[in-house]
Amino acid sequence: MLRFGAKKQSNLLLRLLTPVLTFIIGIAAFSYVSDNMAAGTVEKQQATLEDAVRSSAVYCYSIEGAYPDSVEYLEENYGLTYDKDTFFVGYRLQGGNIMPEVTVICLKEQE
């Protein structure tokens, strides 16, 4: 009889541990996926901001006949907005009729 009792006890332990282990593995997988998604989101924001600065500069050129002197001019007159705590926008004007160099750098470290 003892032999059957020991078998029931090991099955009970297995039944209790399976949901707990499944839950822990699920939490770990969710954490890993969400971290990867956050990093991809910042990269997309950076690329989108770079495109927005270039598009605003081209729009300004088409309206005024010259590229703007600075990003601040685009913010004041063309509605460009971005998170200055997260991104630095480098804008180097080479001349009134030459497309400026635009560089966007993420200031916060990606986790």
C-alpha atoms as a PDB file:
ATOM      1  CA  MET A   1       0.000   0.000   0.000  1.00  0.00           C
ATOM      2  CA  LEU A   2       2.838   2.355   0.674  1.00  0.00           C
ATOM      3  CA  ARG A   3       3.943   2.044  -2.888  1.00  0.00           C
ATOM      4  CA  PHE A   4       0.673   3.507  -4.222  1.00  0.00           C
ATOM      5  CA  GLY A   5       0.649   6.347  -1.674  1.00  0.00           C
ATOM      6  CA  ALA A   6       4.138   7.511  -2.702  1.00  0.00           C
ATOM      7  CA  LYS A   7       3.113   7.573  -6.349  1.00  0.00           C
ATOM      8  CA  LYS A   8       0.083   9.733  -5.601  1.00  0.00           C
ATOM      9  CA  GLN A   9       2.221  12.185  -3.666  1.00  0.00           C
ATOM     10  CA  SER A  10       4.709  12.662  -6.560  1.00  0.00           C
ATOM     11  CA  ASN A  11       1.831  13.244  -9.000  1.00  0.00           C
ATOM     12  CA  LEU A  12       0.374  15.856  -6.650  1.00  0.00           C
ATOM     13  CA  LEU A  13       3.714  17.670  -6.455  1.00  0.00           C
ATOM     14  CA  LEU A  14       4.007  17.632 -10.244  1.00  0.00           C
ATOM     15  CA  ARG A  15       0.463  19.012 -10.594  1.00  0.00           C
ATOM     16  CA  LEU A  16       1.271  21.878  -8.237  1.00  0.00           C
ATOM     17  CA  LEU A  17       4.636  22.798  -9.772  1.00  0.00           C
ATOM     18  CA  THR A  18       3.546  22.784 -13.417  1.00  0.00           C
ATOM     19  CA  PRO A  19       1.328  25.923 -13.275  1.00  0.00           C
ATOM     20  CA  VAL A  20       3.885  27.786 -11.163  1.00  0.00           C
ATOM     21  CA  LEU A  21       6.721  27.036 -13.578  1.00  0.00           C
ATOM     22  CA  THR A  22       4.523  27.886 -16.567  1.00  0.00           C
ATOM     23  CA  PHE A  23       3.653  31.232 -14.981  1.00  0.00           C
ATOM     24  CA  ILE A  24       7.320  32.063 -14.294  1.00  0.00           C
ATOM     25  CA  ILE A  25       8.357  31.163 -17.844  1.00  0.00           C
ATOM     26  CA  GLY A  26       5.488  33.262 -19.228  1.00  0.00           C
ATOM     27  CA  ILE A  27       6.524  36.316 -17.190  1.00  0.00           C
ATOM     28  CA  ALA A  28      10.144  35.962 -18.328  1.00  0.00           C
ATOM     29  CA  ALA A  29       9.104  35.688 -21.989  1.00  0.00           C
ATOM     30  CA  PHE A  30       6.801  38.721 -21.705  1.00  0.00           C
ATOM     31  CA  SER A  31       9.569  40.778 -20.119  1.00  0.00           C
ATOM     32  CA  TYR A  32      12.035  39.851 -22.867  1.00  0.00           C
ATOM     33  CA  VAL A  33       9.590  40.668 -25.671  1.00  0.00           C
ATOM     34  CA  SER A  34       8.527  43.998 -24.162  1.00  0.00           C
ATOM     35  CA  ASP A  35      12.163  45.110 -23.769  1.00  0.00           C
ATOM     36  CA  ASN A  36      12.872  44.319 -27.421  1.00  0.00           C
ATOM     37  CA  MET A  37       9.750  46.175 -28.537  1.00  0.00           C
ATOM     38  CA  ALA A  38      10.729  49.273 -26.550  1.00  0.00           C
ATOM     39  CA  ALA A  39      14.155  49.406 -28.184  1.00  0.00           C
ATOM     40  CA  GLY A  40      12.588  49.107 -31.637  1.00  0.00           C
ATOM     41  CA  THR A  41      10.146  51.881 -30.823  1.00  0.00           C
ATOM     42  CA  VAL A  42      12.923  54.357 -29.960  1.00  0.00           C
ATOM     43  CA  GLU A  43      14.730  53.511 -33.192  1.00  0.00           C
ATOM     44  CA  LYS A  44      11.536  54.109 -35.169  1.00  0.00           C
ATOM     45  CA  GLN A  45      10.952  57.417 -33.390  1.00  0.00           C
ATOM     46  CA  GLN A  46      14.503  58.481 -34.230  1.00  0.00           C
ATOM     47  CA  ALA A  47      14.064  57.654 -37.926  1.00  0.00           C
ATOM     48  CA  THR A  48      10.659  59.341 -38.023  1.00  0.00           C
ATOM     49  CA  LEU A  49      12.043  62.498 -36.417  1.00  0.00           C
ATOM     50  CA  GLU A  50      14.883  62.635 -38.929  1.00  0.00           C
ATOM     51  CA  ASP A  51      12.373  62.314 -41.788  1.00  0.00           C
ATOM     52  CA  ALA A  52      10.151  64.992 -40.218  1.00  0.00           C
ATOM     53  CA  VAL A  53      13.034  67.487 -39.956  1.00  0.00           C
ATOM     54  CA  ARG A  54      14.027  66.870 -43.569  1.00  0.00           C
ATOM     55  CA  SER A  55      10.427  67.132 -44.776  1.00  0.00           C
ATOM     56  CA  SER A  56       9.892  70.358 -42.868  1.00  0.00           C
ATOM     57  CA  ALA A  57      13.097  71.814 -44.311  1.00  0.00           C
ATOM     58  CA  VAL A  58      12.054  70.873 -47.858  1.00  0.00           C
ATOM     59  CA  TYR A  59       8.588  72.341 -47.262  1.00  0.00           C
ATOM     60  CA  CYS A  60      10.194  75.558 -46.013  1.00  0.00           C
ATOM     61  CA  TYR A  61      12.424  75.622 -49.110  1.00  0.00           C
ATOM     62  CA  SER A  62       9.431  75.201 -51.404  1.00  0.00           C
ATOM     63  CA  ILE A  63       7.552  78.060 -49.714  1.00  0.00           C
ATOM     64  CA  GLU A  64      10.372  80.533 -48.989  1.00  0.00           C
ATOM     65  CA  GLY A  65      12.975  79.627 -51.610  1.00  0.00           C
ATOM     66  CA  ALA A  66      15.716  78.846 -49.055  1.00  0.00           C
ATOM     67  CA  TYR A  67      16.334  76.240 -46.413  1.00  0.00           C
ATOM     68  CA  PRO A  68      15.778  77.397 -42.815  1.00  0.00           C
ATOM     69  CA  ASP A  69      18.728  78.528 -40.701  1.00  0.00           C
ATOM     70  CA  SER A  70      17.943  76.264 -37.747  1.00  0.00           C
ATOM     71  CA  VAL A  71      15.644  73.651 -36.280  1.00  0.00           C
ATOM     72  CA  GLU A  72      14.223  76.360 -34.003  1.00  0.00           C
ATOM     73  CA  TYR A  73      12.934  78.164 -37.103  1.00  0.00           C
ATOM     74  CA  LEU A  74      11.123  74.989 -38.160  1.00  0.00           C
ATOM     75  CA  GLU A  75       9.629  74.674 -34.678  1.00  0.00           C
ATOM     76  CA  GLU A  76       8.402  78.263 -34.608  1.00  0.00           C
ATOM     77  CA  ASN A  77       7.086  78.546 -38.169  1.00  0.00           C
ATOM     78  CA  TYR A  78       6.329  75.031 -39.405  1.00  0.00           C
ATOM     79  CA  GLY A  79       5.069  73.205 -36.311  1.00  0.00           C
ATOM     80  CA  LEU A  80       7.944  70.758 -35.849  1.00  0.00           C
ATOM     81  CA  THR A  81       7.876  69.261 -32.342  1.00  0.00           C
ATOM     82  CA  TYR A  82       9.954  66.563 -30.668  1.00  0.00           C
ATOM     83  CA  ASP A  83      11.049  65.398 -27.224  1.00  0.00           C
ATOM     84  CA  LYS A  84      14.220  67.375 -26.492  1.00  0.00           C
ATOM     85  CA  ASP A  85      14.969  65.245 -23.433  1.00  0.00           C
ATOM     86  CA  THR A  86      15.149  62.115 -25.582  1.00  0.00           C
ATOM     87  CA  PHE A  87      16.627  63.350 -28.871  1.00  0.00           C
ATOM     88  CA  PHE A  88      19.265  65.802 -30.045  1.00  0.00           C
ATOM     89  CA  VAL A  89      18.773  67.155 -33.553  1.00  0.00           C
ATOM     90  CA  GLY A  90      21.913  68.228 -35.358  1.00  0.00           C
ATOM     91  CA  TYR A  91      21.165  70.583 -38.242  1.00  0.00           C
ATOM     92  CA  ARG A  92      23.988  71.897 -40.404  1.00  0.00           C
ATOM     93  CA  LEU A  93      23.110  74.363 -43.131  1.00  0.00           C
ATOM     94  CA  GLN A  94      25.562  74.449 -46.046  1.00  0.00           C
ATOM     95  CA  GLY A  95      23.890  77.193 -48.044  1.00  0.00           C
ATOM     96  CA  GLY A  96      20.501  78.626 -48.868  1.00  0.00           C
ATOM     97  CA  ASN A  97      19.864  76.240 -51.754  1.00  0.00           C
ATOM     98  CA  ILE A  98      21.723  73.099 -50.580  1.00  0.00           C
ATOM     99  CA  MET A  99      19.913  70.480 -48.519  1.00  0.00           C
ATOM    100  CA  PRO A 100      21.115  70.687 -44.893  1.00  0.00           C
ATOM    101  CA  GLU A 101      22.651  67.742 -43.048  1.00  0.00           C
ATOM    102  CA  VAL A 102      20.279  66.363 -40.429  1.00  0.00           C
ATOM    103  CA  THR A 103      21.444  64.087 -37.628  1.00  0.00           C
ATOM    104  CA  VAL A 104      19.230  62.761 -34.849  1.00  0.00           C
ATOM    105  CA  ILE A 105      20.888  61.263 -31.766  1.00  0.00           C
ATOM    106  CA  CYS A 106      19.087  59.463 -28.959  1.00  0.00           C
ATOM    107  CA  LEU A 107      20.170  60.939 -25.621  1.00  0.00           C
ATOM    108  CA  LYS A 108      18.691  58.251 -23.364  1.00  0.00           C
ATOM    109  CA  GLU A 109      20.247  54.823 -23.148  1.00  0.00           C
ATOM    110  CA  GLN A 110      18.146  51.990 -24.488  1.00  0.00           C
ATOM    111  CA  GLU A 111      17.580  49.227 -21.992  1.00  0.00           C
END
